[in-house]
Amino acid sequence: HSDSTEAQEWVPNTSSEDESQHGEDELPPRLIRLPGHLRDFVVGNEAQQDDDMQNLAFYSNCEDPDTYDEACKKQVWRDAMEAEIKAIEANNTWKLTTLPRGVKAIGVKWIFKTKYNENGQIEKHKARLVAKGY
């Protein structure tokens, strides 16, 4: 069907195959049309944009701790670290051994991230113990 709101765009034809066939330096632009299945949606609305801005402001104010010392000040992060240690132990991720003489140990650090659900509410506080990249 032909609709007056149909998205169209003029773009230059840059195909080298077309240039060699026509032998012209410049070809006329061609009309590009969106396929039918892409013409029946609305791109955003003011209400959604307002919600997005509120969510952005909310997320910006909820800063995750950058250090272990910062995280230890709040119970939710201490609980998240404890859950991570329990998961490491349950999965036998690491085995405690004696470091051989002359070998340098690889350091670890904590990464903290607040996870949100689709409504922008806090779902959980996640702590991960990861090897440092040198």
N, C-alpha and C. Protein backbone atom coordinates (compact mmCIF):
# COMPACT_ATOMS: atom_id res chain seq x y z
N HIS A 1 0.83 -1.17 0.00
CA HIS A 1 0.00 0.00 0.00
C HIS A 1 0.87 1.24 0.00
N SER A 2 0.38 2.31 -0.55
CA SER A 2 1.15 3.55 -0.62
C SER A 2 0.62 4.50 0.44
N ASP A 3 1.51 4.99 1.26
CA ASP A 3 1.14 5.86 2.36
C ASP A 3 1.92 7.16 2.23
N SER A 4 1.27 8.28 2.51
CA SER A 4 1.94 9.56 2.37
C SER A 4 3.01 9.76 3.44
N THR A 5 2.94 9.00 4.54
CA THR A 5 3.95 9.11 5.60
C THR A 5 5.07 8.10 5.41
N GLU A 6 5.11 7.48 4.27
CA GLU A 6 6.11 6.46 3.98
C GLU A 6 7.52 7.04 4.07
N ALA A 7 8.41 6.37 4.79
CA ALA A 7 9.78 6.86 4.95
C ALA A 7 10.56 6.62 3.67
N GLN A 8 11.18 7.68 3.19
CA GLN A 8 11.98 7.60 1.98
C GLN A 8 13.27 8.38 2.21
N GLU A 9 14.30 8.00 1.49
CA GLU A 9 15.55 8.70 1.61
C GLU A 9 16.29 8.63 0.28
N TRP A 10 16.82 9.76 -0.15
CA TRP A 10 17.64 9.77 -1.35
C TRP A 10 19.07 9.55 -0.93
N VAL A 11 19.72 8.57 -1.56
CA VAL A 11 21.13 8.30 -1.25
C VAL A 11 21.90 8.16 -2.55
N PRO A 12 23.17 8.56 -2.53
CA PRO A 12 23.96 8.39 -3.75
C PRO A 12 24.25 6.92 -4.00
N ASN A 13 24.28 6.54 -5.25
CA ASN A 13 24.60 5.18 -5.63
C ASN A 13 26.11 5.08 -5.70
N THR A 14 26.71 4.30 -4.81
CA THR A 14 28.18 4.23 -4.74
C THR A 14 28.72 2.88 -5.18
N SER A 15 27.91 2.08 -5.78
CA SER A 15 28.35 0.75 -6.20
C SER A 15 29.35 0.86 -7.33
N SER A 16 30.54 0.27 -7.17
CA SER A 16 31.56 0.31 -8.22
C SER A 16 31.12 -0.52 -9.42
N GLU A 17 30.28 -1.52 -9.20
CA GLU A 17 29.75 -2.33 -10.29
C GLU A 17 28.91 -1.47 -11.22
N ASP A 18 28.05 -0.62 -10.62
CA ASP A 18 27.21 0.27 -11.42
C ASP A 18 28.06 1.27 -12.19
N GLU A 19 29.13 1.79 -11.57
CA GLU A 19 29.99 2.76 -12.24
C GLU A 19 30.66 2.14 -13.45
N SER A 20 31.12 0.89 -13.31
CA SER A 20 31.81 0.25 -14.43
C SER A 20 30.84 -0.05 -15.56
N GLN A 21 29.58 -0.34 -15.24
CA GLN A 21 28.60 -0.62 -16.28
C GLN A 21 28.19 0.65 -17.02
N HIS A 22 28.08 1.75 -16.30
CA HIS A 22 27.60 2.98 -16.91
C HIS A 22 28.73 3.88 -17.36
N GLY A 23 29.93 3.70 -16.79
CA GLY A 23 31.06 4.51 -17.19
C GLY A 23 30.91 5.96 -16.79
N GLU A 24 30.15 6.25 -15.77
CA GLU A 24 29.95 7.63 -15.33
C GLU A 24 30.65 7.83 -13.99
N ASP A 25 31.15 9.05 -13.79
CA ASP A 25 31.76 9.37 -12.49
C ASP A 25 30.70 9.53 -11.42
N GLU A 26 29.58 10.13 -11.79
CA GLU A 26 28.51 10.34 -10.82
C GLU A 26 27.22 9.74 -11.36
N LEU A 27 26.56 9.01 -10.51
CA LEU A 27 25.28 8.42 -10.89
C LEU A 27 24.17 9.16 -10.17
N PRO A 28 22.98 9.17 -10.74
CA PRO A 28 21.88 9.84 -10.05
C PRO A 28 21.54 9.10 -8.76
N PRO A 29 21.04 9.83 -7.76
CA PRO A 29 20.68 9.17 -6.52
C PRO A 29 19.51 8.22 -6.73
N ARG A 30 19.40 7.24 -5.86
CA ARG A 30 18.28 6.31 -5.96
C ARG A 30 17.42 6.41 -4.70
N LEU A 31 16.17 6.09 -4.84
CA LEU A 31 15.22 6.18 -3.75
C LEU A 31 15.23 4.89 -2.95
N ILE A 32 15.45 5.01 -1.65
CA ILE A 32 15.43 3.86 -0.75
C ILE A 32 14.14 3.93 0.05
N ARG A 33 13.40 2.85 0.11
CA ARG A 33 12.16 2.80 0.88
C ARG A 33 12.26 1.73 1.95
N LEU A 34 11.71 2.05 3.11
CA LEU A 34 11.67 1.06 4.17
C LEU A 34 10.73 -0.07 3.80
N PRO A 35 11.05 -1.30 4.18
CA PRO A 35 10.13 -2.41 3.94
C PRO A 35 8.84 -2.20 4.75
N GLY A 36 7.77 -2.78 4.28
CA GLY A 36 6.46 -2.60 4.89
C GLY A 36 6.43 -2.91 6.37
N HIS A 37 7.15 -3.95 6.80
CA HIS A 37 7.10 -4.33 8.21
C HIS A 37 7.80 -3.32 9.12
N LEU A 38 8.53 -2.36 8.56
CA LEU A 38 9.17 -1.33 9.38
C LEU A 38 8.41 0.00 9.35
N ARG A 39 7.28 0.06 8.65
CA ARG A 39 6.54 1.32 8.53
C ARG A 39 5.39 1.44 9.52
N ASP A 40 5.12 0.40 10.28
CA ASP A 40 3.92 0.42 11.11
C ASP A 40 4.22 0.58 12.61
N PHE A 41 5.28 1.30 12.95
CA PHE A 41 5.57 1.51 14.36
C PHE A 41 5.79 3.00 14.62
N VAL A 42 5.65 3.37 15.89
CA VAL A 42 5.86 4.74 16.30
C VAL A 42 7.19 4.80 17.03
N VAL A 43 7.99 5.78 16.69
CA VAL A 43 9.29 5.92 17.32
C VAL A 43 9.17 6.87 18.51
N GLY A 44 9.09 6.28 19.70
CA GLY A 44 9.08 7.06 20.92
C GLY A 44 7.86 7.94 21.09
N ASN A 45 7.71 8.45 22.29
CA ASN A 45 6.70 9.45 22.58
C ASN A 45 7.18 10.23 23.79
N GLU A 46 6.55 11.35 24.04
CA GLU A 46 7.02 12.21 25.12
C GLU A 46 6.94 11.53 26.48
N ALA A 47 5.88 10.77 26.74
CA ALA A 47 5.74 10.11 28.04
C ALA A 47 6.89 9.13 28.26
N GLN A 48 7.22 8.35 27.24
CA GLN A 48 8.32 7.38 27.37
C GLN A 48 9.64 8.11 27.57
N GLN A 49 9.83 9.22 26.85
CA GLN A 49 11.07 9.97 27.00
C GLN A 49 11.20 10.54 28.40
N ASP A 50 10.08 11.00 28.99
CA ASP A 50 10.11 11.49 30.36
C ASP A 50 10.49 10.38 31.32
N ASP A 51 9.91 9.18 31.13
CA ASP A 51 10.25 8.04 31.97
C ASP A 51 11.73 7.70 31.85
N ASP A 52 12.23 7.74 30.61
CA ASP A 52 13.64 7.43 30.39
C ASP A 52 14.55 8.42 31.11
N MET A 53 14.19 9.69 31.09
CA MET A 53 14.99 10.71 31.77
C MET A 53 14.96 10.51 33.28
N GLN A 54 13.79 10.15 33.82
CA GLN A 54 13.70 9.90 35.26
C GLN A 54 14.55 8.70 35.64
N ASN A 55 14.51 7.65 34.82
CA ASN A 55 15.32 6.46 35.10
C ASN A 55 16.80 6.79 35.04
N LEU A 56 17.19 7.60 34.05
CA LEU A 56 18.58 7.99 33.92
C LEU A 56 19.03 8.75 35.16
N ALA A 57 18.20 9.68 35.63
CA ALA A 57 18.53 10.44 36.83
C ALA A 57 18.64 9.51 38.03
N PHE A 58 17.73 8.55 38.14
CA PHE A 58 17.74 7.61 39.26
C PHE A 58 19.02 6.78 39.24
N TYR A 59 19.36 6.22 38.07
CA TYR A 59 20.54 5.36 37.97
C TYR A 59 21.81 6.15 38.24
N SER A 60 21.83 7.42 37.84
CA SER A 60 23.01 8.24 38.04
C SER A 60 23.27 8.48 39.52
N ASN A 61 22.20 8.52 40.33
CA ASN A 61 22.34 8.79 41.75
C ASN A 61 22.70 7.54 42.55
N CYS A 62 22.53 6.36 41.98
CA CYS A 62 22.83 5.10 42.68
C CYS A 62 24.21 4.62 42.26
N GLU A 63 25.22 5.16 42.91
CA GLU A 63 26.57 4.79 42.53
C GLU A 63 27.00 3.53 43.26
N ASP A 64 27.59 2.63 42.52
CA ASP A 64 28.12 1.41 43.10
C ASP A 64 29.48 1.72 43.73
N PRO A 65 29.84 1.01 44.79
CA PRO A 65 31.14 1.26 45.41
C PRO A 65 32.28 0.88 44.47
N ASP A 66 33.35 1.64 44.55
CA ASP A 66 34.53 1.37 43.73
C ASP A 66 35.57 0.54 44.46
N THR A 67 35.51 0.55 45.78
CA THR A 67 36.52 -0.16 46.56
C THR A 67 35.86 -1.08 47.60
N TYR A 68 36.67 -1.99 48.09
CA TYR A 68 36.23 -2.89 49.15
C TYR A 68 35.84 -2.10 50.40
N ASP A 69 36.64 -1.09 50.73
CA ASP A 69 36.36 -0.28 51.92
C ASP A 69 35.02 0.43 51.82
N GLU A 70 34.70 0.97 50.64
CA GLU A 70 33.40 1.62 50.44
C GLU A 70 32.26 0.61 50.60
N ALA A 71 32.44 -0.57 50.01
CA ALA A 71 31.39 -1.59 50.04
C ALA A 71 31.14 -2.09 51.46
N CYS A 72 32.19 -2.20 52.25
CA CYS A 72 32.04 -2.72 53.62
C CYS A 72 31.19 -1.82 54.51
N LYS A 73 30.97 -0.60 54.11
CA LYS A 73 30.18 0.34 54.92
C LYS A 73 28.69 0.04 54.88
N LYS A 74 28.25 -0.77 53.89
CA LYS A 74 26.82 -1.07 53.76
C LYS A 74 26.58 -2.57 53.83
N GLN A 75 25.56 -2.93 54.58
CA GLN A 75 25.23 -4.34 54.79
C GLN A 75 24.89 -5.06 53.48
N VAL A 76 24.20 -4.38 52.55
CA VAL A 76 23.81 -5.06 51.30
C VAL A 76 25.03 -5.52 50.53
N TRP A 77 26.12 -4.75 50.57
CA TRP A 77 27.34 -5.15 49.86
C TRP A 77 28.10 -6.23 50.62
N ARG A 78 28.08 -6.17 51.94
CA ARG A 78 28.70 -7.25 52.72
C ARG A 78 27.98 -8.57 52.46
N ASP A 79 26.65 -8.52 52.37
CA ASP A 79 25.87 -9.72 52.05
C ASP A 79 26.20 -10.23 50.65
N ALA A 80 26.36 -9.31 49.70
CA ALA A 80 26.68 -9.71 48.32
C ALA A 80 28.06 -10.36 48.26
N MET A 81 29.02 -9.82 49.00
CA MET A 81 30.37 -10.42 49.02
C MET A 81 30.34 -11.81 49.66
N GLU A 82 29.57 -11.94 50.73
CA GLU A 82 29.44 -13.25 51.38
C GLU A 82 28.82 -14.28 50.43
N ALA A 83 27.81 -13.86 49.68
CA ALA A 83 27.17 -14.77 48.71
C ALA A 83 28.16 -15.18 47.63
N GLU A 84 29.02 -14.26 47.19
CA GLU A 84 30.03 -14.58 46.17
C GLU A 84 31.05 -15.58 46.72
N ILE A 85 31.51 -15.37 47.93
CA ILE A 85 32.47 -16.31 48.53
C ILE A 85 31.85 -17.70 48.67
N LYS A 86 30.59 -17.75 49.10
CA LYS A 86 29.90 -19.04 49.22
C LYS A 86 29.77 -19.73 47.86
N ALA A 87 29.48 -18.96 46.82
CA ALA A 87 29.36 -19.54 45.47
C ALA A 87 30.71 -20.06 44.99
N ILE A 88 31.78 -19.33 45.27
CA ILE A 88 33.13 -19.77 44.89
C ILE A 88 33.46 -21.09 45.58
N GLU A 89 33.15 -21.17 46.87
CA GLU A 89 33.42 -22.40 47.62
C GLU A 89 32.55 -23.55 47.14
N ALA A 90 31.26 -23.30 46.91
CA ALA A 90 30.34 -24.35 46.48
C ALA A 90 30.71 -24.91 45.11
N ASN A 91 31.24 -24.06 44.24
CA ASN A 91 31.60 -24.49 42.88
C ASN A 91 33.05 -24.98 42.78
N ASN A 92 33.75 -25.00 43.90
CA ASN A 92 35.17 -25.38 43.90
C ASN A 92 35.95 -24.61 42.84
N THR A 93 35.68 -23.31 42.78
CA THR A 93 36.33 -22.45 41.79
C THR A 93 37.82 -22.35 42.05
N TRP A 94 38.18 -22.19 43.29
CA TRP A 94 39.58 -22.05 43.67
C TRP A 94 39.96 -23.10 44.69
N LYS A 95 41.24 -23.42 44.69
CA LYS A 95 41.76 -24.35 45.68
C LYS A 95 42.91 -23.64 46.39
N LEU A 96 42.83 -23.58 47.70
CA LEU A 96 43.86 -22.90 48.49
C LEU A 96 45.11 -23.77 48.53
N THR A 97 46.23 -23.20 48.08
CA THR A 97 47.50 -23.94 48.06
C THR A 97 48.61 -23.04 48.58
N THR A 98 49.76 -23.63 48.78
CA THR A 98 50.95 -22.87 49.16
C THR A 98 51.60 -22.34 47.89
N LEU A 99 51.94 -21.06 47.90
CA LEU A 99 52.56 -20.45 46.73
C LEU A 99 54.01 -20.92 46.63
N PRO A 100 54.39 -21.50 45.49
CA PRO A 100 55.78 -21.96 45.33
C PRO A 100 56.76 -20.78 45.43
N ARG A 101 57.93 -21.07 45.92
CA ARG A 101 58.97 -20.06 46.08
C ARG A 101 59.32 -19.44 44.72
N GLY A 102 59.42 -18.11 44.69
CA GLY A 102 59.80 -17.40 43.47
C GLY A 102 58.65 -17.12 42.52
N VAL A 103 57.45 -17.53 42.87
CA VAL A 103 56.28 -17.31 42.01
C VAL A 103 55.45 -16.17 42.59
N LYS A 104 55.06 -15.26 41.74
CA LYS A 104 54.26 -14.11 42.18
C LYS A 104 52.77 -14.46 42.08
N ALA A 105 52.04 -14.19 43.14
CA ALA A 105 50.59 -14.47 43.16
C ALA A 105 49.84 -13.45 42.30
N ILE A 106 48.76 -13.90 41.71
CA ILE A 106 47.88 -13.01 40.95
C ILE A 106 46.90 -12.39 41.93
N GLY A 107 46.82 -11.08 41.93
CA GLY A 107 45.93 -10.39 42.85
C GLY A 107 44.48 -10.49 42.41
N VAL A 108 43.59 -10.18 43.34
CA VAL A 108 42.16 -10.17 43.04
C VAL A 108 41.58 -8.83 43.47
N LYS A 109 40.42 -8.53 42.93
CA LYS A 109 39.72 -7.33 43.35
C LYS A 109 38.22 -7.58 43.29
N TRP A 110 37.48 -6.79 44.03
CA TRP A 110 36.03 -6.89 44.04
C TRP A 110 35.44 -5.92 43.02
N ILE A 111 34.41 -6.39 42.32
CA ILE A 111 33.62 -5.56 41.41
C ILE A 111 32.20 -5.55 41.95
N PHE A 112 31.63 -4.36 42.08
CA PHE A 112 30.29 -4.22 42.65
C PHE A 112 29.35 -3.62 41.61
N LYS A 113 28.16 -4.20 41.50
CA LYS A 113 27.19 -3.73 40.50
C LYS A 113 25.78 -3.89 41.04
N THR A 114 25.00 -2.82 40.96
CA THR A 114 23.59 -2.88 41.33
C THR A 114 22.81 -3.32 40.10
N LYS A 115 21.98 -4.34 40.23
CA LYS A 115 21.17 -4.85 39.12
C LYS A 115 19.74 -4.38 39.30
N TYR A 116 19.14 -3.92 38.18
CA TYR A 116 17.78 -3.39 38.20
C TYR A 116 16.86 -4.27 37.36
N ASN A 117 15.58 -4.30 37.73
CA ASN A 117 14.60 -5.02 36.92
C ASN A 117 14.08 -4.10 35.83
N GLU A 118 13.15 -4.59 35.02
CA GLU A 118 12.64 -3.81 33.89
C GLU A 118 11.87 -2.57 34.32
N ASN A 119 11.45 -2.49 35.59
CA ASN A 119 10.73 -1.32 36.10
C ASN A 119 11.66 -0.30 36.73
N GLY A 120 12.95 -0.57 36.70
CA GLY A 120 13.92 0.35 37.27
C GLY A 120 14.12 0.20 38.76
N GLN A 121 13.54 -0.85 39.34
CA GLN A 121 13.70 -1.10 40.77
C GLN A 121 14.91 -2.00 41.00
N ILE A 122 15.56 -1.81 42.13
CA ILE A 122 16.74 -2.62 42.44
C ILE A 122 16.33 -4.07 42.58
N GLU A 123 16.98 -4.92 41.79
CA GLU A 123 16.72 -6.36 41.85
C GLU A 123 17.67 -7.02 42.83
N LYS A 124 18.97 -6.66 42.73
CA LYS A 124 19.94 -7.21 43.68
C LYS A 124 21.24 -6.43 43.59
N HIS A 125 22.04 -6.61 44.61
CA HIS A 125 23.39 -6.06 44.64
C HIS A 125 24.33 -7.23 44.38
N LYS A 126 25.17 -7.08 43.37
CA LYS A 126 26.02 -8.17 42.94
C LYS A 126 27.49 -7.82 43.20
N ALA A 127 28.20 -8.73 43.82
CA ALA A 127 29.63 -8.57 44.06
C ALA A 127 30.35 -9.73 43.39
N ARG A 128 31.42 -9.43 42.68
CA ARG A 128 32.21 -10.47 42.02
C ARG A 128 33.67 -10.30 42.39
N LEU A 129 34.31 -11.39 42.73
CA LEU A 129 35.73 -11.40 43.03
C LEU A 129 36.45 -11.87 41.77
N VAL A 130 37.27 -10.99 41.20
CA VAL A 130 37.90 -11.29 39.91
C VAL A 130 39.41 -11.12 40.01
N ALA A 131 40.12 -11.82 39.14
CA ALA A 131 41.58 -11.69 39.06
C ALA A 131 41.91 -10.34 38.44
N LYS A 132 42.93 -9.70 38.98
CA LYS A 132 43.37 -8.41 38.44
C LYS A 132 44.08 -8.64 37.11
N GLY A 133 43.85 -7.75 36.18
CA GLY A 133 44.57 -7.81 34.90
C GLY A 133 45.80 -6.92 34.98
N TYR A 134 46.96 -7.50 34.73
CA TYR A 134 48.19 -6.72 34.86
C TYR A 134 48.69 -6.28 33.52
